[in-house]
Amino acid sequence: MLEFKFVKCYDVIMKKLNLKNVVWREGKYYVAQCLNVEVSSFGKTKKEALENLDEALELYLEDKKTPKLTHIEQPEIVSSSFRYA
């Protein structure tokens, strides 16, 4: 005899995080990186890289009750140049 256990959805408290991510091409792959936590991933397309990043973030945040996040307001890409030996 099969028994089913039902879990009431309203007993689960879901938290929502708004994270800032960047994606760029590196060689033949795209790299996606979260700016709020040190998590990144890659894929053959931008879409794949971002989907893989979502999965990596889910795994990273899975067991963290209060994740340590860096607050990012308005990220901006700024170029710099320097000399090195």
PDB file of N, CA and C in Angstrom:
ATOM      1  N   MET A   1       0.836  -1.175   0.000  1.00  0.00           N
ATOM      2  CA  MET A   1       0.000   0.000   0.000  1.00  0.00           C
ATOM      3  C   MET A   1       0.887   1.247   0.000  1.00  0.00           C
ATOM      4  N   LEU A   2       0.595   2.192  -0.894  1.00  0.00           N
ATOM      5  CA  LEU A   2       1.341   3.432  -0.985  1.00  0.00           C
ATOM      6  C   LEU A   2       0.766   4.471  -0.042  1.00  0.00           C
ATOM      7  N   GLU A   3       1.644   5.204   0.614  1.00  0.00           N
ATOM      8  CA  GLU A   3       1.212   6.306   1.465  1.00  0.00           C
ATOM      9  C   GLU A   3       1.796   7.591   0.922  1.00  0.00           C
ATOM     10  N   PHE A   4       1.018   8.631   0.912  1.00  0.00           N
ATOM     11  CA  PHE A   4       1.466   9.935   0.456  1.00  0.00           C
ATOM     12  C   PHE A   4       1.455  10.904   1.619  1.00  0.00           C
ATOM     13  N   LYS A   5       2.478  11.707   1.685  1.00  0.00           N
ATOM     14  CA  LYS A   5       2.551  12.739   2.707  1.00  0.00           C
ATOM     15  C   LYS A   5       2.461  14.089   2.012  1.00  0.00           C
ATOM     16  N   PHE A   6       1.519  14.894   2.408  1.00  0.00           N
ATOM     17  CA  PHE A   6       1.330  16.203   1.804  1.00  0.00           C
ATOM     18  C   PHE A   6       1.932  17.268   2.698  1.00  0.00           C
ATOM     19  N   VAL A   7       2.642  18.175   2.092  1.00  0.00           N
ATOM     20  CA  VAL A   7       3.228  19.293   2.813  1.00  0.00           C
ATOM     21  C   VAL A   7       2.459  20.541   2.425  1.00  0.00           C
ATOM     22  N   LYS A   8       2.003  21.254   3.417  1.00  0.00           N
ATOM     23  CA  LYS A   8       1.252  22.476   3.145  1.00  0.00           C
ATOM     24  C   LYS A   8       2.207  23.560   2.665  1.00  0.00           C
ATOM     25  N   CYS A   9       1.920  24.106   1.517  1.00  0.00           N
ATOM     26  CA  CYS A   9       2.800  25.118   0.931  1.00  0.00           C
ATOM     27  C   CYS A   9       2.860  26.378   1.783  1.00  0.00           C
ATOM     28  N   TYR A  10       1.783  26.718   2.459  1.00  0.00           N
ATOM     29  CA  TYR A  10       1.796  27.957   3.227  1.00  0.00           C
ATOM     30  C   TYR A  10       2.580  27.825   4.524  1.00  0.00           C
ATOM     31  N   ASP A  11       3.065  26.629   4.865  1.00  0.00           N
ATOM     32  CA  ASP A  11       3.921  26.454   6.033  1.00  0.00           C
ATOM     33  C   ASP A  11       5.391  26.748   5.699  1.00  0.00           C
ATOM     34  N   VAL A  12       5.697  26.801   4.424  1.00  0.00           N
ATOM     35  CA  VAL A  12       7.066  27.043   3.994  1.00  0.00           C
ATOM     36  C   VAL A  12       7.257  28.538   3.771  1.00  0.00           C
ATOM     37  N   ILE A  13       8.271  29.089   4.399  1.00  0.00           N
ATOM     38  CA  ILE A  13       8.558  30.499   4.223  1.00  0.00           C
ATOM     39  C   ILE A  13       9.624  30.628   3.147  1.00  0.00           C
ATOM     40  N   MET A  14       9.272  31.267   2.065  1.00  0.00           N
ATOM     41  CA  MET A  14      10.210  31.463   0.961  1.00  0.00           C
ATOM     42  C   MET A  14      10.783  32.873   1.061  1.00  0.00           C
ATOM     43  N   LYS A  15      12.083  32.975   0.840  1.00  0.00           N
ATOM     44  CA  LYS A  15      12.744  34.268   0.847  1.00  0.00           C
ATOM     45  C   LYS A  15      13.100  34.638  -0.585  1.00  0.00           C
ATOM     46  N   LYS A  16      13.007  35.910  -0.889  1.00  0.00           N
ATOM     47  CA  LYS A  16      13.336  36.372  -2.229  1.00  0.00           C
ATOM     48  C   LYS A  16      14.566  37.268  -2.159  1.00  0.00           C
ATOM     49  N   LEU A  17      15.539  36.974  -2.998  1.00  0.00           N
ATOM     50  CA  LEU A  17      16.745  37.785  -3.090  1.00  0.00           C
ATOM     51  C   LEU A  17      16.820  38.394  -4.481  1.00  0.00           C
ATOM     52  N   ASN A  18      17.121  39.665  -4.544  1.00  0.00           N
ATOM     53  CA  ASN A  18      17.369  40.324  -5.824  1.00  0.00           C
ATOM     54  C   ASN A  18      18.873  40.478  -5.962  1.00  0.00           C
ATOM     55  N   LEU A  19      19.450  39.718  -6.880  1.00  0.00           N
ATOM     56  CA  LEU A  19      20.901  39.684  -7.044  1.00  0.00           C
ATOM     57  C   LEU A  19      21.299  40.353  -8.352  1.00  0.00           C
ATOM     58  N   LYS A  20      22.481  40.923  -8.371  1.00  0.00           N
ATOM     59  CA  LYS A  20      23.030  41.544  -9.576  1.00  0.00           C
ATOM     60  C   LYS A  20      24.069  40.598 -10.172  1.00  0.00           C
ATOM     61  N   ASN A  21      23.912  40.308 -11.463  1.00  0.00           N
ATOM     62  CA  ASN A  21      24.816  39.405 -12.159  1.00  0.00           C
ATOM     63  C   ASN A  21      25.409  40.093 -13.378  1.00  0.00           C
ATOM     64  N   VAL A  22      26.594  39.672 -13.762  1.00  0.00           N
ATOM     65  CA  VAL A  22      27.218  40.141 -14.998  1.00  0.00           C
ATOM     66  C   VAL A  22      27.554  38.934 -15.852  1.00  0.00           C
ATOM     67  N   VAL A  23      27.579  39.156 -17.155  1.00  0.00           N
ATOM     68  CA  VAL A  23      27.922  38.068 -18.078  1.00  0.00           C
ATOM     69  C   VAL A  23      28.802  38.651 -19.182  1.00  0.00           C
ATOM     70  N   TRP A  24      29.829  37.888 -19.561  1.00  0.00           N
ATOM     71  CA  TRP A  24      30.726  38.331 -20.619  1.00  0.00           C
ATOM     72  C   TRP A  24      31.252  37.122 -21.363  1.00  0.00           C
ATOM     73  N   ARG A  25      31.744  37.383 -22.572  1.00  0.00           N
ATOM     74  CA  ARG A  25      32.318  36.311 -23.383  1.00  0.00           C
ATOM     75  C   ARG A  25      33.806  36.189 -23.064  1.00  0.00           C
ATOM     76  N   GLU A  26      34.239  34.952 -22.872  1.00  0.00           N
ATOM     77  CA  GLU A  26      35.646  34.659 -22.604  1.00  0.00           C
ATOM     78  C   GLU A  26      36.029  33.470 -23.471  1.00  0.00           C
ATOM     79  N   GLY A  27      36.711  33.743 -24.589  1.00  0.00           N
ATOM     80  CA  GLY A  27      37.017  32.669 -25.537  1.00  0.00           C
ATOM     81  C   GLY A  27      35.747  32.183 -26.196  1.00  0.00           C
ATOM     82  N   LYS A  28      35.525  30.874 -26.191  1.00  0.00           N
ATOM     83  CA  LYS A  28      34.308  30.336 -26.814  1.00  0.00           C
ATOM     84  C   LYS A  28      33.154  30.156 -25.825  1.00  0.00           C
ATOM     85  N   TYR A  29      33.326  30.587 -24.584  1.00  0.00           N
ATOM     86  CA  TYR A  29      32.287  30.459 -23.569  1.00  0.00           C
ATOM     87  C   TYR A  29      31.850  31.818 -23.035  1.00  0.00           C
ATOM     88  N   TYR A  30      30.694  31.835 -22.409  1.00  0.00           N
ATOM     89  CA  TYR A  30      30.212  32.995 -21.679  1.00  0.00           C
ATOM     90  C   TYR A  30      30.361  32.704 -20.192  1.00  0.00           C
ATOM     91  N   VAL A  31      30.786  33.694 -19.458  1.00  0.00           N
ATOM     92  CA  VAL A  31      30.948  33.576 -18.015  1.00  0.00           C
ATOM     93  C   VAL A  31      29.886  34.454 -17.363  1.00  0.00           C
ATOM     94  N   ALA A  32      29.204  33.917 -16.360  1.00  0.00           N
ATOM     95  CA  ALA A  32      28.213  34.670 -15.591  1.00  0.00           C
ATOM     96  C   ALA A  32      28.659  34.681 -14.140  1.00  0.00           C
ATOM     97  N   GLN A  33      28.651  35.858 -13.544  1.00  0.00           N
ATOM     98  CA  GLN A  33      29.115  36.004 -12.162  1.00  0.00           C
ATOM     99  C   GLN A  33      28.120  36.832 -11.373  1.00  0.00           C
ATOM    100  N   CYS A  34      27.849  36.396 -10.167  1.00  0.00           N
ATOM    101  CA  CYS A  34      26.998  37.147  -9.251  1.00  0.00           C
ATOM    102  C   CYS A  34      27.885  38.141  -8.509  1.00  0.00           C
ATOM    103  N   LEU A  35      27.463  39.393  -8.458  1.00  0.00           N
ATOM    104  CA  LEU A  35      28.242  40.425  -7.780  1.00  0.00           C
ATOM    105  C   LEU A  35      28.001  40.435  -6.268  1.00  0.00           C
ATOM    106  N   ASN A  36      26.898  39.862  -5.820  1.00  0.00           N
ATOM    107  CA  ASN A  36      26.536  39.894  -4.400  1.00  0.00           C
ATOM    108  C   ASN A  36      27.208  38.806  -3.574  1.00  0.00           C
ATOM    109  N   VAL A  37      27.524  37.687  -4.198  1.00  0.00           N
ATOM    110  CA  VAL A  37      28.235  36.585  -3.541  1.00  0.00           C
ATOM    111  C   VAL A  37      29.282  36.073  -4.526  1.00  0.00           C
ATOM    112  N   GLU A  38      30.265  35.380  -4.036  1.00  0.00           N
ATOM    113  CA  GLU A  38      31.335  34.892  -4.910  1.00  0.00           C
ATOM    114  C   GLU A  38      30.951  33.562  -5.552  1.00  0.00           C
ATOM    115  N   VAL A  39      30.038  33.657  -6.523  1.00  0.00           N
ATOM    116  CA  VAL A  39      29.577  32.483  -7.261  1.00  0.00           C
ATOM    117  C   VAL A  39      29.576  32.846  -8.743  1.00  0.00           C
ATOM    118  N   SER A  40      30.078  31.942  -9.566  1.00  0.00           N
ATOM    119  CA  SER A  40      30.072  32.160 -11.009  1.00  0.00           C
ATOM    120  C   SER A  40      29.864  30.825 -11.713  1.00  0.00           C
ATOM    121  N   SER A  41      29.560  30.903 -13.004  1.00  0.00           N
ATOM    122  CA  SER A  41      29.405  29.708 -13.822  1.00  0.00           C
ATOM    123  C   SER A  41      29.654  30.096 -15.276  1.00  0.00           C
ATOM    124  N   PHE A  42      29.481  29.160 -16.193  1.00  0.00           N
ATOM    125  CA  PHE A  42      29.727  29.456 -17.603  1.00  0.00           C
ATOM    126  C   PHE A  42      28.827  28.600 -18.475  1.00  0.00           C
ATOM    127  N   GLY A  43      28.780  28.928 -19.765  1.00  0.00           N
ATOM    128  CA  GLY A  43      28.008  28.167 -20.728  1.00  0.00           C
ATOM    129  C   GLY A  43      28.383  28.560 -22.135  1.00  0.00           C
ATOM    130  N   LYS A  44      27.847  27.838 -23.102  1.00  0.00           N
ATOM    131  CA  LYS A  44      28.152  28.112 -24.507  1.00  0.00           C
ATOM    132  C   LYS A  44      27.409  29.344 -25.027  1.00  0.00           C
ATOM    133  N   THR A  45      26.316  29.718 -24.364  1.00  0.00           N
ATOM    134  CA  THR A  45      25.550  30.909 -24.721  1.00  0.00           C
ATOM    135  C   THR A  45      25.331  31.739 -23.460  1.00  0.00           C
ATOM    136  N   LYS A  46      24.913  33.007 -23.639  1.00  0.00           N
ATOM    137  CA  LYS A  46      24.601  33.841 -22.477  1.00  0.00           C
ATOM    138  C   LYS A  46      23.494  33.206 -21.647  1.00  0.00           C
ATOM    139  N   LYS A  47      22.455  32.734 -22.351  1.00  0.00           N
ATOM    140  CA  LYS A  47      21.320  32.121 -21.661  1.00  0.00           C
ATOM    141  C   LYS A  47      21.773  30.915 -20.834  1.00  0.00           C
ATOM    142  N   GLU A  48      22.593  30.059 -21.421  1.00  0.00           N
ATOM    143  CA  GLU A  48      23.073  28.877 -20.712  1.00  0.00           C
ATOM    144  C   GLU A  48      23.941  29.265 -19.513  1.00  0.00           C
ATOM    145  N   ALA A  49      24.792  30.267 -19.689  1.00  0.00           N
ATOM    146  CA  ALA A  49      25.649  30.713 -18.593  1.00  0.00           C
ATOM    147  C   ALA A  49      24.802  31.242 -17.432  1.00  0.00           C
ATOM    148  N   LEU A  50      23.764  32.004 -17.739  1.00  0.00           N
ATOM    149  CA  LEU A  50      22.893  32.544 -16.683  1.00  0.00           C
ATOM    150  C   LEU A  50      22.055  31.448 -16.025  1.00  0.00           C
ATOM    151  N   GLU A  51      21.597  30.483 -16.805  1.00  0.00           N
ATOM    152  CA  GLU A  51      20.862  29.350 -16.224  1.00  0.00           C
ATOM    153  C   GLU A  51      21.775  28.546 -15.297  1.00  0.00           C
ATOM    154  N   ASN A  52      23.017  28.335 -15.725  1.00  0.00           N
ATOM    155  CA  ASN A  52      23.972  27.602 -14.892  1.00  0.00           C
ATOM    156  C   ASN A  52      24.308  28.395 -13.625  1.00  0.00           C
ATOM    157  N   LEU A  53      24.373  29.717 -13.755  1.00  0.00           N
ATOM    158  CA  LEU A  53      24.604  30.558 -12.580  1.00  0.00           C
ATOM    159  C   LEU A  53      23.442  30.448 -11.606  1.00  0.00           C
ATOM    160  N   ASP A  54      22.215  30.461 -12.115  1.00  0.00           N
ATOM    161  CA  ASP A  54      21.039  30.297 -11.237  1.00  0.00           C
ATOM    162  C   ASP A  54      21.125  28.993 -10.456  1.00  0.00           C
ATOM    163  N   GLU A  55      21.495  27.922 -11.138  1.00  0.00           N
ATOM    164  CA  GLU A  55      21.627  26.621 -10.476  1.00  0.00           C
ATOM    165  C   GLU A  55      22.734  26.656  -9.415  1.00  0.00           C
ATOM    166  N   ALA A  56      23.865  27.276  -9.751  1.00  0.00           N
ATOM    167  CA  ALA A  56      24.969  27.378  -8.797  1.00  0.00           C
ATOM    168  C   ALA A  56      24.562  28.215  -7.586  1.00  0.00           C
ATOM    169  N   LEU A  57      23.803  29.284  -7.814  1.00  0.00           N
ATOM    170  CA  LEU A  57      23.334  30.124  -6.704  1.00  0.00           C
ATOM    171  C   LEU A  57      22.349  29.362  -5.811  1.00  0.00           C
ATOM    172  N   GLU A  58      21.470  28.587  -6.429  1.00  0.00           N
ATOM    173  CA  GLU A  58      20.530  27.778  -5.643  1.00  0.00           C
ATOM    174  C   GLU A  58      21.286  26.816  -4.737  1.00  0.00           C
ATOM    175  N   LEU A  59      22.298  26.166  -5.278  1.00  0.00           N
ATOM    176  CA  LEU A  59      23.092  25.235  -4.479  1.00  0.00           C
ATOM    177  C   LEU A  59      23.859  25.967  -3.380  1.00  0.00           C
ATOM    178  N   TYR A  60      24.410  27.117  -3.699  1.00  0.00           N
ATOM    179  CA  TYR A  60      25.164  27.907  -2.722  1.00  0.00           C
ATOM    180  C   TYR A  60      24.269  28.371  -1.572  1.00  0.00           C
ATOM    181  N   LEU A  61      23.065  28.818  -1.911  1.00  0.00           N
ATOM    182  CA  LEU A  61      22.166  29.384  -0.906  1.00  0.00           C
ATOM    183  C   LEU A  61      21.293  28.343  -0.209  1.00  0.00           C
ATOM    184  N   GLU A  62      21.331  27.104  -0.693  1.00  0.00           N
ATOM    185  CA  GLU A  62      20.455  26.042  -0.208  1.00  0.00           C
ATOM    186  C   GLU A  62      20.467  25.881   1.307  1.00  0.00           C
ATOM    187  N   ASP A  63      21.624  25.848   1.915  1.00  0.00           N
ATOM    188  CA  ASP A  63      21.722  25.590   3.343  1.00  0.00           C
ATOM    189  C   ASP A  63      22.032  26.836   4.170  1.00  0.00           C
ATOM    190  N   LYS A  64      22.008  27.986   3.553  1.00  0.00           N
ATOM    191  CA  LYS A  64      22.335  29.210   4.275  1.00  0.00           C
ATOM    192  C   LYS A  64      21.051  29.901   4.714  1.00  0.00           C
ATOM    193  N   LYS A  65      20.870  30.001   6.033  1.00  0.00           N
ATOM    194  CA  LYS A  65      19.675  30.670   6.548  1.00  0.00           C
ATOM    195  C   LYS A  65      19.754  32.174   6.344  1.00  0.00           C
ATOM    196  N   THR A  66      20.914  32.747   6.589  1.00  0.00           N
ATOM    197  CA  THR A  66      21.129  34.174   6.365  1.00  0.00           C
ATOM    198  C   THR A  66      22.428  34.353   5.582  1.00  0.00           C
ATOM    199  N   PRO A  67      22.331  34.324   4.256  1.00  0.00           N
ATOM    200  CA  PRO A  67      23.542  34.450   3.452  1.00  0.00           C
ATOM    201  C   PRO A  67      24.167  35.837   3.585  1.00  0.00           C
ATOM    202  N   LYS A  68      25.477  35.879   3.554  1.00  0.00           N
ATOM    203  CA  LYS A  68      26.191  37.144   3.606  1.00  0.00           C
ATOM    204  C   LYS A  68      26.261  37.703   2.184  1.00  0.00           C
ATOM    205  N   LEU A  69      25.564  38.803   1.960  1.00  0.00           N
ATOM    206  CA  LEU A  69      25.493  39.404   0.639  1.00  0.00           C
ATOM    207  C   LEU A  69      26.168  40.763   0.627  1.00  0.00           C
ATOM    208  N   THR A  70      26.839  41.063  -0.455  1.00  0.00           N
ATOM    209  CA  THR A  70      27.372  42.395  -0.678  1.00  0.00           C
ATOM    210  C   THR A  70      26.274  43.197  -1.367  1.00  0.00           C
ATOM    211  N   HIS A  71      25.940  44.334  -0.818  1.00  0.00           N
ATOM    212  CA  HIS A  71      24.888  45.168  -1.408  1.00  0.00           C
ATOM    213  C   HIS A  71      25.442  45.898  -2.628  1.00  0.00           C
ATOM    214  N   ILE A  72      24.817  45.699  -3.769  1.00  0.00           N
ATOM    215  CA  ILE A  72      25.230  46.331  -5.023  1.00  0.00           C
ATOM    216  C   ILE A  72      24.079  47.214  -5.487  1.00  0.00           C
ATOM    217  N   GLU A  73      24.327  48.502  -5.617  1.00  0.00           N
ATOM    218  CA  GLU A  73      23.267  49.430  -6.009  1.00  0.00           C
ATOM    219  C   GLU A  73      23.213  49.616  -7.524  1.00  0.00           C
ATOM    220  N   GLN A  74      24.223  50.240  -8.102  1.00  0.00           N
ATOM    221  CA  GLN A  74      24.246  50.478  -9.544  1.00  0.00           C
ATOM    222  C   GLN A  74      25.635  50.136 -10.080  1.00  0.00           C
ATOM    223  N   PRO A  75      25.855  48.880 -10.463  1.00  0.00           N
ATOM    224  CA  PRO A  75      27.182  48.506 -10.952  1.00  0.00           C
ATOM    225  C   PRO A  75      27.502  49.231 -12.260  1.00  0.00           C
ATOM    226  N   GLU A  76      28.752  49.559 -12.429  1.00  0.00           N
ATOM    227  CA  GLU A  76      29.210  50.264 -13.624  1.00  0.00           C
ATOM    228  C   GLU A  76      30.546  49.665 -14.053  1.00  0.00           C
ATOM    229  N   ILE A  77      30.709  49.463 -15.340  1.00  0.00           N
ATOM    230  CA  ILE A  77      31.983  48.964 -15.851  1.00  0.00           C
ATOM    231  C   ILE A  77      32.865  50.172 -16.132  1.00  0.00           C
ATOM    232  N   VAL A  78      34.029  50.177 -15.518  1.00  0.00           N
ATOM    233  CA  VAL A  78      34.970  51.278 -15.667  1.00  0.00           C
ATOM    234  C   VAL A  78      36.310  50.703 -16.114  1.00  0.00           C
ATOM    235  N   SER A  79      36.870  51.276 -17.152  1.00  0.00           N
ATOM    236  CA  SER A  79      38.171  50.824 -17.658  1.00  0.00           C
ATOM    237  C   SER A  79      39.291  51.462 -16.872  1.00  0.00           C
ATOM    238  N   SER A  80      40.374  50.747 -16.747  1.00  0.00           N
ATOM    239  CA  SER A  80      41.582  51.309 -16.140  1.00  0.00           C
ATOM    240  C   SER A  80      42.770  50.716 -16.867  1.00  0.00           C
ATOM    241  N   SER A  81      43.875  51.457 -16.846  1.00  0.00           N
ATOM    242  CA  SER A  81      45.091  50.940 -17.463  1.00  0.00           C
ATOM    243  C   SER A  81      46.253  51.184 -16.510  1.00  0.00           C
ATOM    244  N   PHE A  82      47.227  50.302 -16.557  1.00  0.00           N
ATOM    245  CA  PHE A  82      48.389  50.438 -15.694  1.00  0.00           C
ATOM    246  C   PHE A  82      49.555  49.719 -16.352  1.00  0.00           C
ATOM    247  N   ARG A  83      50.723  50.008 -15.893  1.00  0.00           N
ATOM    248  CA  ARG A  83      51.926  49.362 -16.407  1.00  0.00           C
ATOM    249  C   ARG A  83      52.412  48.331 -15.408  1.00  0.00           C
ATOM    250  N   TYR A  84      52.947  47.273 -15.914  1.00  0.00           N
ATOM    251  CA  TYR A  84      53.497  46.252 -15.035  1.00  0.00           C
ATOM    252  C   TYR A  84      54.731  45.629 -15.692  1.00  0.00           C
ATOM    253  N   ALA A  85      55.551  45.006 -14.901  1.00  0.00           N
ATOM    254  CA  ALA A  85      56.794  44.406 -15.417  1.00  0.00           C
ATOM    255  C   ALA A  85      56.623  42.928 -15.641  1.00  0.00           C
TER     256      ALA A  85
END
